[in-house]
């Protein structure tokens, strides 16, 4: 790897800039001149030099103008144009990553000046269009030789100092880097920011920048005079446009990971400034689910000689399946059966489930042990993937994804049990009985205890092909809350379902019908998951 002989000069210049800034300096043109000449002499300048030169120019301009909201918008627009012109000889991935300071300034401009929506929206639209132009064929940021990002495009140790340069006017002298990064990349979640740092791929930072532009553009649509239906269509169209325009693996991967978090990680300040409240946040998440699940992902296939490494495409497909399950579950909870059907149909037509199945069957030794499953829902596919992983093939790239997958199975089982109880509450094959405590105990106690019984001990993924359900003896009593006035005493008695044996209905990886039972609950969850649910 070629040694960068200008790094010592850069670090010294950064230290001197920070010192002079804190002592009230407002003109940094001397530094700007030096780094302007350096950029002209470098055929492909690194992110470090472009950022520092742009920061020097931006601060000099910022101190020279009379402070006003409109002037700040113009200064941010000038910064955008400066970064674009300074990176004309850079590769496409770096061009996008370089825009992080512009989005940082735009975010704080919106939060601190809520009356600039129109001006900010126009600038965000321009940034989104530029990013779409910069995005090459999907997978172009990957080097086919090493199954990873293009060699050499990693963030250097100077990245930490440069983040401090950009946030110096909004943060203290001895602030922790994590706090500085939270300020510098405010729109994405903490989990996403954890991946940004020294040694991080520039392509990953570019994906973060795309996500910030993505959410800023969507949030900027709120607050104008339009009906809910018109707003939903506008948001949906913008989402689809950016999904197809931002042809980046890292963008899609980060977006899907953010959608898997319990709460949509758009910061409260942005929601307060652009989105009107929690109802709008939920509305935005529904639109995102709809667009992400039903979008056409045909652009993932090879284009112009570029292709996405198999493992990366597999990881992307896993996250999409988990998001699809979240979308189906959310629509079901809202009682929107039309959307449930739409999402299930989109799942069955998507190319991503087949990507996962093909990846598994192509792994060494797995072709003989597995058969192509017949999956009709995300839950069915997730069950199969968990079984495959238990057989020794690593399907999930991190523990978070694996935990999300197990959570899907737990929720599926709980929903099934609740539906079974509700639909058969009077008599479930004679195995469930709800007794008024006065009747069951001869009325000897007015505020009887609530007895709870473990219904089934489940073993899931304990061994390949081994799945069994056994009944447990004994009960657990809960005394808490038994003295609440007016409480109806209820006793839950142990029950079991009269169904075919699990081994008959689900033989993992053993035949083509391994997942074709049509039920999302034929396969019980693990003991550990059930214990967590009991607690």
Protein backbone atom coordinates (compact mmCIF):
# COMPACT_ATOMS: atom_id res chain seq x y z
CA UNK A 1 0.00 0.00 0.00
CA UNK A 2 1.33 3.42 -0.97
CA UNK A 3 2.47 5.60 1.92
CA UNK A 4 0.72 8.96 2.22
CA UNK A 5 3.54 11.42 2.87
CA UNK A 6 1.13 14.34 3.44
CA UNK A 7 -0.59 12.88 6.51
CA UNK A 8 1.85 14.45 9.04
CA UNK A 9 1.25 17.86 7.45
CA UNK A 10 -2.50 17.29 7.62
CA UNK A 11 -2.46 16.35 11.31
CA UNK A 12 -0.32 19.37 12.19
CA UNK A 13 -2.62 21.68 10.21
CA UNK A 14 -5.70 20.27 11.95
CA UNK A 15 -4.16 20.87 15.39
CA UNK A 16 -3.24 24.46 14.47
CA UNK A 17 -6.71 25.12 13.01
CA UNK A 18 -8.47 23.87 16.16
CA UNK A 19 -6.20 25.95 18.37
CA UNK A 20 -6.73 29.12 16.33
CA UNK A 21 -10.47 28.53 16.08
CA UNK A 22 -10.80 28.30 19.85
CA UNK A 23 -8.85 31.53 20.20
CA UNK A 24 -11.29 33.41 17.97
CA UNK A 25 -9.67 33.23 14.53
CA UNK A 26 -12.10 33.75 11.65
CA UNK A 27 -9.89 33.72 8.54
CA UNK A 28 -8.29 30.45 7.46
CA UNK A 29 -7.48 31.39 3.87
CA UNK A 30 -3.76 30.67 4.33
CA UNK A 31 -4.50 27.03 5.09
CA UNK A 32 -7.05 26.91 2.27
CA UNK A 33 -4.47 28.02 -0.28
CA UNK A 34 -2.01 25.28 0.72
CA UNK A 35 -4.58 22.49 0.54
CA UNK A 36 -6.12 23.83 -2.65
CA UNK A 37 -2.77 23.38 -4.38
CA UNK A 38 -2.40 19.94 -2.85
CA UNK A 39 -5.78 18.82 -4.21
CA UNK A 40 -4.84 20.03 -7.68
CA UNK A 41 -1.70 17.87 -7.64
CA UNK A 42 -3.39 14.68 -6.41
CA UNK A 43 -5.02 12.54 -9.14
CA UNK A 44 -7.42 10.93 -6.64
CA UNK A 45 -7.35 12.95 -3.40
CA UNK A 46 -8.33 11.14 -0.23
CA UNK A 47 -11.40 12.03 1.78
CA UNK A 48 -9.15 13.61 4.44
CA UNK A 49 -7.75 16.38 2.23
CA UNK A 50 -11.04 17.21 0.52
CA UNK A 51 -12.82 17.46 3.88
CA UNK A 52 -10.21 19.64 5.53
CA UNK A 53 -9.95 22.01 2.58
CA UNK A 54 -13.75 22.27 2.41
CA UNK A 55 -14.01 22.87 6.16
CA UNK A 56 -11.46 25.69 6.01
CA UNK A 57 -13.33 27.36 3.15
CA UNK A 58 -16.73 26.84 4.78
CA UNK A 59 -15.71 28.36 8.12
CA UNK A 60 -14.03 31.34 6.45
CA UNK A 61 -17.20 32.03 4.44
CA UNK A 62 -19.45 31.44 7.44
CA UNK A 63 -17.65 34.03 9.56
CA UNK A 64 -17.61 36.55 6.70
CA UNK A 65 -21.38 36.71 6.13
CA UNK A 66 -24.01 38.37 8.29
CA UNK A 67 -25.75 35.62 10.30
CA UNK A 68 -29.23 34.88 8.96
CA UNK A 69 -31.26 31.82 8.13
CA UNK A 70 -31.27 32.39 4.38
CA UNK A 71 -27.50 33.05 4.35
CA UNK A 72 -26.91 29.79 6.22
CA UNK A 73 -28.84 27.90 3.54
CA UNK A 74 -26.70 29.56 0.87
CA UNK A 75 -23.52 28.70 2.79
CA UNK A 76 -24.60 25.05 2.99
CA UNK A 77 -25.40 25.05 -0.72
CA UNK A 78 -21.95 26.50 -1.42
CA UNK A 79 -20.41 23.74 0.71
CA UNK A 80 -22.25 21.13 -1.36
CA UNK A 81 -20.99 22.64 -4.61
CA UNK A 82 -17.45 22.90 -3.22
CA UNK A 83 -17.38 19.23 -2.24
CA UNK A 84 -18.72 18.24 -5.65
CA UNK A 85 -16.11 20.26 -7.54
CA UNK A 86 -13.25 19.19 -5.25
CA UNK A 87 -14.06 15.51 -5.74
CA UNK A 88 -14.40 15.54 -9.53
CA UNK A 89 -11.45 13.15 -9.92
CA UNK A 90 -12.53 10.83 -7.08
CA UNK A 91 -14.29 7.50 -7.55
CA UNK A 92 -18.07 7.32 -7.23
CA UNK A 93 -18.14 5.81 -3.73
CA UNK A 94 -15.89 8.52 -2.32
CA UNK A 95 -17.95 11.26 -3.97
CA UNK A 96 -21.00 10.16 -1.99
CA UNK A 97 -19.15 9.66 1.32
CA UNK A 98 -17.74 13.18 1.05
CA UNK A 99 -21.26 14.64 1.38
CA UNK A 100 -21.53 13.78 5.10
CA UNK A 101 -20.70 17.36 6.24
CA UNK A 102 -23.43 18.79 3.98
CA UNK A 103 -26.08 16.55 5.53
CA UNK A 104 -24.73 17.39 8.98
CA UNK A 105 -25.19 21.11 8.30
CA UNK A 106 -28.60 20.54 6.69
CA UNK A 107 -29.87 18.55 9.65
CA UNK A 108 -28.94 21.20 12.19
CA UNK A 109 -30.23 23.91 9.87
CA UNK A 110 -33.64 22.22 9.86
CA UNK A 111 -33.69 21.57 13.60
CA UNK A 112 -32.63 25.11 14.51
CA UNK A 113 -34.68 26.94 11.83
CA UNK A 114 -38.07 25.34 11.28
CA UNK A 115 -39.12 28.10 8.85
CA UNK A 116 -36.71 26.98 6.11
CA UNK A 117 -38.57 23.89 4.95
CA UNK A 118 -38.99 24.92 1.32
CA UNK A 119 -35.36 26.00 0.89
CA UNK A 120 -34.06 22.90 2.65
CA UNK A 121 -36.34 20.58 0.66
CA UNK A 122 -35.00 21.97 -2.61
CA UNK A 123 -31.40 21.46 -1.50
CA UNK A 124 -32.12 17.91 -0.28
CA UNK A 125 -33.72 17.06 -3.63
CA UNK A 126 -30.56 18.29 -5.37
CA UNK A 127 -28.36 16.15 -3.12
CA UNK A 128 -30.52 13.06 -3.73
CA UNK A 129 -30.30 13.60 -7.50
CA UNK A 130 -26.51 13.96 -7.30
CA UNK A 131 -26.19 10.75 -5.27
CA UNK A 132 -28.31 8.89 -7.83
CA UNK A 133 -25.99 10.10 -10.59
CA UNK A 134 -22.93 8.99 -8.62
CA UNK A 135 -24.31 5.52 -7.97
CA UNK A 136 -22.99 3.10 -10.57
CA UNK A 137 -24.21 -0.45 -11.18
CA UNK A 138 -25.27 -2.25 -8.02
CA UNK A 139 -22.22 -3.92 -6.51
CA UNK A 140 -19.75 -1.55 -8.19
CA UNK A 141 -18.29 -0.70 -4.78
CA UNK A 142 -17.13 -4.30 -4.39
CA UNK A 143 -13.88 -5.79 -5.60
CA UNK A 144 -14.59 -9.18 -7.17
CA UNK A 145 -11.09 -10.41 -6.32
CA UNK A 146 -11.34 -10.28 -2.53
CA UNK A 147 -15.10 -10.45 -1.99
CA UNK A 148 -14.95 -7.10 -0.28
CA UNK A 149 -14.87 -3.38 -0.84
CA UNK A 150 -12.46 -1.79 -3.30
CA UNK A 151 -8.96 -2.09 -1.86
CA UNK A 152 -7.58 1.01 -0.17
CA UNK A 153 -10.90 2.77 0.45
CA UNK A 154 -10.72 2.80 4.25
CA UNK A 155 -11.04 5.66 6.71
CA UNK A 156 -7.67 6.78 8.09
CA UNK A 157 -6.83 7.86 11.68
CA UNK A 158 -7.32 11.46 10.53
CA UNK A 159 -11.06 10.76 10.24
CA UNK A 160 -11.46 11.18 14.00
CA UNK A 161 -9.77 14.60 13.92
CA UNK A 162 -11.77 15.71 10.89
CA UNK A 163 -15.08 14.89 12.59
CA UNK A 164 -13.92 17.14 15.42
CA UNK A 165 -13.15 19.88 12.88
CA UNK A 166 -16.68 19.78 11.50
CA UNK A 167 -18.44 19.81 14.89
CA UNK A 168 -16.05 22.19 16.68
CA UNK A 169 -18.62 24.99 16.80
CA UNK A 170 -21.23 22.80 18.52
CA UNK A 171 -19.19 20.76 20.99
CA UNK A 172 -16.73 21.13 23.87
CA UNK A 173 -12.96 20.77 23.70
CA UNK A 174 -12.64 17.42 25.49
CA UNK A 175 -15.71 15.68 24.10
CA UNK A 176 -15.66 11.94 23.50
CA UNK A 177 -15.46 10.80 19.85
CA UNK A 178 -18.70 8.84 20.22
CA UNK A 179 -20.56 12.02 21.14
CA UNK A 180 -18.91 13.88 18.27
CA UNK A 181 -19.94 11.16 15.82
CA UNK A 182 -23.52 11.24 17.14
CA UNK A 183 -23.57 14.94 16.38
CA UNK A 184 -21.91 14.51 12.98
CA UNK A 185 -24.17 11.63 11.83
CA UNK A 186 -27.40 12.50 13.66
CA UNK A 187 -30.05 10.78 11.54
CA UNK A 188 -28.92 7.15 11.70
CA UNK A 189 -29.06 4.91 14.77
CA UNK A 190 -26.34 4.17 17.29
CA UNK A 191 -25.94 0.64 15.92
CA UNK A 192 -25.22 2.05 12.48
CA UNK A 193 -22.78 4.64 13.84
CA UNK A 194 -20.91 1.89 15.68
CA UNK A 195 -19.68 0.70 12.28
CA UNK A 196 -18.12 4.07 11.45
CA UNK A 197 -14.55 4.69 12.55
CA UNK A 198 -10.89 4.26 11.69
CA UNK A 199 -10.49 1.38 9.24
CA UNK A 200 -14.14 1.53 8.21
CA UNK A 201 -14.83 1.10 4.51
CA UNK A 202 -15.55 4.36 2.72
CA UNK A 203 -18.40 2.50 1.04
CA UNK A 204 -20.03 1.96 4.44
CA UNK A 205 -19.80 5.69 5.18
CA UNK A 206 -21.32 6.34 1.76
CA UNK A 207 -24.23 4.06 2.72
CA UNK A 208 -24.71 6.04 5.94
CA UNK A 209 -24.75 9.28 3.92
CA UNK A 210 -27.37 7.84 1.57
CA UNK A 211 -29.55 6.81 4.52
CA UNK A 212 -29.32 10.29 6.02
CA UNK A 213 -30.28 11.86 2.69
CA UNK A 214 -33.06 9.29 2.38
CA UNK A 215 -34.65 10.09 5.74
CA UNK A 216 -34.11 13.84 5.44
CA UNK A 217 -35.92 13.86 2.13
CA UNK A 218 -38.84 11.80 3.44
CA UNK A 219 -39.19 13.84 6.63
CA UNK A 220 -39.09 17.08 4.64
CA UNK A 221 -42.38 16.06 2.99
CA UNK A 222 -44.27 16.44 6.27
CA UNK A 223 -45.80 19.69 7.45
CA UNK A 224 -47.24 20.88 4.14
CA UNK A 225 -50.91 21.30 3.27
CA UNK A 226 -51.83 17.94 1.76
CA UNK A 227 -54.17 15.11 2.66
CA UNK A 228 -52.98 11.93 4.34
CA UNK A 229 -53.59 10.01 1.14
CA UNK A 230 -51.56 12.48 -0.93
CA UNK A 231 -48.75 12.46 1.62
CA UNK A 232 -48.67 8.66 1.66
CA UNK A 233 -48.41 8.52 -2.13
CA UNK A 234 -45.69 11.18 -2.15
CA UNK A 235 -43.67 9.32 0.49
CA UNK A 236 -44.14 5.98 -1.26
CA UNK A 237 -43.04 7.37 -4.64
CA UNK A 238 -39.98 9.05 -3.10
CA UNK A 239 -39.02 5.85 -1.30
CA UNK A 240 -39.27 3.71 -4.45
CA UNK A 241 -37.34 6.32 -6.42
CA UNK A 242 -34.47 6.33 -3.94
CA UNK A 243 -34.47 2.54 -3.50
CA UNK A 244 -33.92 2.11 -7.22
CA UNK A 245 -31.69 5.18 -7.57
CA UNK A 246 -29.28 4.49 -4.70
CA UNK A 247 -27.74 1.36 -6.16
CA UNK A 248 -25.60 0.58 -3.13
CA UNK A 249 -25.42 -2.58 -1.05
CA UNK A 250 -24.51 -0.63 2.08
CA UNK A 251 -27.45 1.74 1.71
CA UNK A 252 -29.95 -1.11 1.47
CA UNK A 253 -28.28 -3.05 4.26
CA UNK A 254 -28.26 -0.07 6.64
CA UNK A 255 -31.86 0.85 5.78
CA UNK A 256 -33.08 -2.69 6.45
CA UNK A 257 -31.19 -2.84 9.73
CA UNK A 258 -32.76 0.44 10.83
CA UNK A 259 -36.22 -0.89 9.98
CA UNK A 260 -35.55 -3.92 12.19
CA UNK A 261 -34.93 -1.77 15.26
CA UNK A 262 -37.80 -1.52 17.79
CA UNK A 263 -38.34 2.17 17.02
CA UNK A 264 -37.58 3.90 13.75
CA UNK A 265 -34.27 5.58 14.65
CA UNK A 266 -35.02 9.03 13.31
CA UNK A 267 -33.88 11.40 16.04
CA UNK A 268 -36.45 13.16 18.18
CA UNK A 269 -35.18 16.59 17.14
CA UNK A 270 -35.78 15.85 13.47
CA UNK A 271 -39.20 14.41 14.22
CA UNK A 272 -40.06 17.50 16.22
CA UNK A 273 -38.84 19.84 13.49
CA UNK A 274 -40.21 18.09 10.41
CA UNK A 275 -42.54 15.30 11.52
CA UNK A 276 -45.49 16.45 13.57
CA UNK A 277 -45.62 13.68 16.18
CA UNK A 278 -45.65 9.98 16.98
CA UNK A 279 -48.58 9.38 14.62
CA UNK A 280 -46.51 10.69 11.72
CA UNK A 281 -43.61 8.50 12.78
CA UNK A 282 -45.84 5.41 12.71
CA UNK A 283 -47.27 6.54 9.37
CA UNK A 284 -43.76 6.90 7.94
CA UNK A 285 -42.81 3.43 9.13
CA UNK A 286 -45.91 1.95 7.49
CA UNK A 287 -45.01 3.63 4.20
CA UNK A 288 -41.44 2.33 4.45
CA UNK A 289 -42.65 -1.21 5.14
CA UNK A 290 -44.96 -1.04 2.15
CA UNK A 291 -42.29 0.29 -0.21
CA UNK A 292 -39.42 -1.90 0.98
CA UNK A 293 -41.42 -5.14 0.91
CA UNK A 294 -43.09 -4.56 -2.47
CA UNK A 295 -40.12 -2.97 -4.28
CA UNK A 296 -38.56 -4.62 -7.33
CA UNK A 297 -35.05 -5.82 -6.48
CA UNK A 298 -34.13 -7.03 -9.95
CA UNK A 299 -31.29 -4.48 -9.96
CA UNK A 300 -29.45 -6.75 -7.51
CA UNK A 301 -28.45 -9.01 -10.38
CA UNK A 302 -25.17 -8.61 -12.26
CA UNK A 303 -24.76 -5.39 -14.20
CA UNK A 304 -21.93 -4.42 -16.54
CA UNK A 305 -19.50 -6.92 -15.11
CA UNK A 306 -20.12 -6.00 -11.46
CA UNK A 307 -21.69 -8.37 -9.00
CA UNK A 308 -22.41 -8.44 -5.31
CA UNK A 309 -20.42 -11.03 -3.35
CA UNK A 310 -22.60 -14.02 -2.48
CA UNK A 311 -22.32 -13.59 1.30
CA UNK A 312 -23.25 -9.91 1.10
CA UNK A 313 -26.29 -10.65 -1.04
CA UNK A 314 -27.26 -13.43 1.37
CA UNK A 315 -27.05 -11.06 4.36
CA UNK A 316 -29.17 -8.51 2.52
CA UNK A 317 -31.79 -11.14 1.73
CA UNK A 318 -31.92 -12.32 5.36
CA UNK A 319 -32.63 -8.79 6.60
CA UNK A 320 -35.28 -8.26 3.93
CA UNK A 321 -37.10 -11.46 4.98
CA UNK A 322 -37.08 -10.26 8.61
CA UNK A 323 -38.44 -6.85 7.55
CA UNK A 324 -41.11 -8.56 5.44
CA UNK A 325 -42.26 -10.52 8.49
CA UNK A 326 -42.39 -7.30 10.55
CA UNK A 327 -44.49 -5.65 7.84
CA UNK A 328 -46.93 -8.58 7.66
CA UNK A 329 -47.24 -8.73 11.44
CA UNK A 330 -47.76 -4.95 11.70
CA UNK A 331 -50.47 -4.96 9.02
CA UNK A 332 -52.18 -7.89 10.74
CA UNK A 333 -52.17 -6.05 14.08
CA UNK A 334 -53.77 -3.04 12.38
CA UNK A 335 -56.43 -5.28 10.87
CA UNK A 336 -55.41 -4.38 7.31
CA UNK A 337 -56.01 -7.73 5.62
CA UNK A 338 -55.50 -6.26 2.15
CA UNK A 339 -51.95 -5.27 3.03
CA UNK A 340 -51.27 -8.64 4.63
CA UNK A 341 -52.24 -10.34 1.37
CA UNK A 342 -50.22 -7.81 -0.64
CA UNK A 343 -47.09 -8.40 1.45
CA UNK A 344 -47.42 -12.19 1.34
CA UNK A 345 -47.80 -12.01 -2.45
CA UNK A 346 -44.78 -9.70 -2.69
CA UNK A 347 -42.78 -12.15 -0.61
CA UNK A 348 -43.72 -15.08 -2.84
CA UNK A 349 -42.83 -13.15 -6.00
CA UNK A 350 -39.57 -11.62 -4.75
CA UNK A 351 -36.21 -12.93 -5.94
CA UNK A 352 -34.68 -12.61 -2.46
CA UNK A 353 -36.08 -15.80 -0.85
CA UNK A 354 -34.74 -17.84 -3.76
CA UNK A 355 -31.37 -16.11 -3.28
CA UNK A 356 -31.24 -17.44 0.28
CA UNK A 357 -32.30 -20.95 -0.67
CA UNK A 358 -29.81 -21.07 -3.53
CA UNK A 359 -27.00 -19.84 -1.29
CA UNK A 360 -27.70 -22.56 1.27
CA UNK A 361 -27.92 -25.39 -1.25
CA UNK A 362 -24.73 -24.24 -2.98
CA UNK A 363 -22.61 -24.47 0.16
CA UNK A 364 -20.18 -27.37 0.38
CA UNK A 365 -21.88 -30.46 1.73
CA UNK A 366 -25.29 -28.81 2.18
CA UNK A 367 -26.69 -29.86 -1.18
CA UNK A 368 -26.80 -33.51 -0.12
CA UNK A 369 -28.35 -32.76 3.28
CA UNK A 370 -30.93 -30.20 2.23
CA UNK A 371 -33.83 -30.08 -0.16
CA UNK A 372 -35.36 -27.00 -1.70
CA UNK A 373 -38.08 -25.97 0.77
CA UNK A 374 -41.54 -24.90 -0.24
CA UNK A 375 -41.97 -21.66 1.71
CA UNK A 376 -45.15 -19.62 1.68
CA UNK A 377 -44.29 -16.98 4.29
CA UNK A 378 -41.28 -15.30 5.92
CA UNK A 379 -41.82 -17.35 9.09
CA UNK A 380 -41.50 -20.62 7.20
CA UNK A 381 -38.27 -19.54 5.55
CA UNK A 382 -36.83 -18.22 8.82
CA UNK A 383 -37.55 -21.55 10.52
CA UNK A 384 -35.72 -23.39 7.77
CA UNK A 385 -32.74 -21.03 7.99
CA UNK A 386 -32.48 -21.54 11.76
CA UNK A 387 -32.46 -25.29 11.27
CA UNK A 388 -29.78 -24.99 8.59
CA UNK A 389 -27.65 -22.88 10.94
CA UNK A 390 -28.08 -25.45 13.69
CA UNK A 391 -26.65 -28.04 11.30
CA UNK A 392 -23.38 -26.10 11.13
CA UNK A 393 -23.78 -23.59 8.30
CA UNK A 394 -23.55 -19.97 9.40
CA UNK A 395 -26.53 -18.24 7.82
CA UNK A 396 -26.87 -15.18 10.06
CA UNK A 397 -23.94 -12.75 9.90
CA UNK A 398 -24.34 -11.52 13.49
CA UNK A 399 -26.05 -12.40 16.75
CA UNK A 400 -28.52 -9.54 16.31
CA UNK A 401 -29.89 -11.09 13.11
CA UNK A 402 -30.08 -14.53 14.69
CA UNK A 403 -31.88 -13.11 17.73
CA UNK A 404 -34.32 -11.29 15.44
CA UNK A 405 -35.00 -14.58 13.65
CA UNK A 406 -35.66 -16.44 16.91
CA UNK A 407 -37.94 -13.61 18.01
CA UNK A 408 -40.00 -14.11 14.86
CA UNK A 409 -40.51 -17.77 15.75
CA UNK A 410 -41.44 -16.91 19.36
CA UNK A 411 -44.00 -14.34 18.24
CA UNK A 412 -45.42 -16.76 15.72
CA UNK A 413 -45.95 -19.43 18.39
CA UNK A 414 -47.48 -16.99 20.87
CA UNK A 415 -49.90 -15.66 18.24
CA UNK A 416 -50.94 -19.19 17.32
CA UNK A 417 -51.56 -20.18 20.94
CA UNK A 418 -53.63 -17.05 21.57
CA UNK A 419 -55.69 -17.59 18.43
CA UNK A 420 -56.30 -21.21 19.39
CA UNK A 421 -57.46 -20.22 22.88
CA UNK A 422 -59.70 -17.41 21.63
CA UNK A 423 -61.34 -19.50 18.92
CA UNK A 424 -61.93 -22.46 21.22
CA UNK A 425 -62.39 -20.80 24.59
CA UNK A 426 -65.54 -22.75 25.35
CA UNK A 427 -64.06 -26.19 24.72
CA UNK A 428 -60.74 -26.98 23.03
CA UNK A 429 -61.04 -30.73 22.45
CA UNK A 430 -61.85 -31.10 26.13
CA UNK A 431 -58.31 -30.15 27.10
CA UNK A 432 -58.80 -26.52 28.13
CA UNK A 433 -61.13 -25.55 30.94
CA UNK A 434 -61.77 -22.16 32.44
CA UNK A 435 -63.29 -22.56 35.89
CA UNK A 436 -64.87 -19.93 38.03
CA UNK A 437 -63.01 -20.24 41.30
CA UNK A 438 -66.23 -20.39 43.27
CA UNK A 439 -67.34 -23.41 41.27
CA UNK A 440 -63.99 -25.16 41.23
CA UNK A 441 -63.38 -24.75 44.96
CA UNK A 442 -66.89 -24.80 46.26
CA UNK A 443 -66.95 -21.04 46.74
CA UNK A 444 -64.66 -21.15 49.71
CA UNK A 445 -62.71 -18.12 48.60
CA UNK A 446 -63.95 -14.85 47.20
CA UNK A 447 -60.73 -13.68 45.64
CA UNK A 448 -59.15 -16.89 44.46
CA UNK A 449 -55.66 -17.42 43.18
CA UNK A 450 -54.69 -17.41 39.55
CA UNK A 451 -53.07 -20.73 38.73
CA UNK A 452 -50.84 -20.83 35.70
CA UNK A 453 -49.62 -24.02 34.12
CA UNK A 454 -46.80 -24.55 31.65
CA UNK A 455 -48.50 -25.87 28.55
CA UNK A 456 -45.71 -27.47 26.60
CA UNK A 457 -41.98 -28.06 26.94
CA UNK A 458 -40.52 -27.56 23.49
CA UNK A 459 -37.24 -28.62 22.04
CA UNK A 460 -36.34 -26.72 18.90
CA UNK A 461 -33.13 -27.10 16.98
CA UNK A 462 -31.78 -29.45 19.65
CA UNK A 463 -30.57 -31.87 16.97
CA UNK A 464 -31.12 -32.21 13.22
CA UNK A 465 -34.45 -33.78 12.54
CA UNK A 466 -35.34 -34.05 16.23
CA UNK A 467 -38.41 -32.15 17.35
CA UNK A 468 -40.67 -33.28 20.13
CA UNK A 469 -43.29 -31.90 22.45
CA UNK A 470 -43.77 -33.23 25.95
CA UNK A 471 -46.27 -32.36 28.61
CA UNK A 472 -45.06 -31.12 31.95
CA UNK A 473 -46.42 -31.76 35.37
CA UNK A 474 -46.87 -29.32 38.15
CA UNK A 475 -48.29 -25.85 38.40
CA UNK A 476 -47.13 -22.42 39.38
CA UNK A 477 -49.24 -20.13 41.51
CA UNK A 478 -49.18 -16.38 41.36
CA UNK A 479 -50.42 -14.61 44.46
CA UNK A 480 -49.60 -11.16 43.18
CA UNK A 481 -52.61 -8.97 42.66
CA UNK A 482 -55.05 -11.51 44.09
CA UNK A 483 -56.64 -8.95 46.39
CA UNK A 484 -57.61 -6.55 43.63
CA UNK A 485 -61.25 -5.65 44.15
CA UNK A 486 -63.62 -7.00 41.55
CA UNK A 487 -61.11 -9.39 40.02
CA UNK A 488 -62.65 -12.50 38.53
CA UNK A 489 -60.74 -15.55 39.75
CA UNK A 490 -59.61 -17.73 36.87
CA UNK A 491 -57.75 -21.02 36.75
CA UNK A 492 -55.80 -22.09 33.67
CA UNK A 493 -55.53 -25.84 33.34
CA UNK A 494 -52.90 -27.68 31.30
CA UNK A 495 -53.89 -28.50 27.74
CA UNK A 496 -52.48 -30.00 24.58
CA UNK A 497 -53.50 -29.86 20.93
CA UNK A 498 -54.90 -32.92 19.15
CA UNK A 499 -52.73 -32.77 16.02
CA UNK A 500 -50.50 -35.09 14.10
CA UNK A 501 -47.06 -35.62 15.49
CA UNK A 502 -44.58 -32.91 14.65
CA UNK A 503 -42.26 -35.41 13.03
CA UNK A 504 -44.99 -36.26 10.54
CA UNK A 505 -45.72 -32.64 9.69
CA UNK A 506 -42.23 -31.21 9.65
CA UNK A 507 -39.13 -33.15 8.74
CA UNK A 508 -36.38 -30.53 8.55
CA UNK A 509 -34.23 -30.78 5.46
CA UNK A 510 -35.36 -34.33 4.90
CA UNK A 511 -37.69 -33.97 1.92
CA UNK A 512 -39.30 -31.46 -0.39
CA UNK A 513 -42.26 -31.05 1.93
CA UNK A 514 -40.16 -29.97 4.87
CA UNK A 515 -41.88 -26.60 5.11
CA UNK A 516 -45.01 -27.14 3.08
CA UNK A 517 -47.45 -27.90 5.86
CA UNK A 518 -49.04 -24.51 5.36
CA UNK A 519 -48.86 -23.70 9.05
CA UNK A 520 -46.48 -21.20 10.53
CA UNK A 521 -46.55 -22.94 13.88
CA UNK A 522 -45.95 -26.62 13.20
CA UNK A 523 -42.41 -26.13 14.40
CA UNK A 524 -42.13 -25.36 18.14
CA UNK A 525 -39.73 -22.83 19.50
CA UNK A 526 -36.70 -23.61 21.61
CA UNK A 527 -36.71 -24.23 25.37
CA UNK A 528 -34.64 -21.10 25.87
CA UNK A 529 -37.09 -18.95 23.96
CA UNK A 530 -40.03 -20.39 25.88
CA UNK A 531 -38.27 -19.78 29.19
CA UNK A 532 -37.71 -16.14 28.17
CA UNK A 533 -41.38 -15.82 27.36
CA UNK A 534 -42.39 -17.32 30.69
CA UNK A 535 -40.28 -14.82 32.55
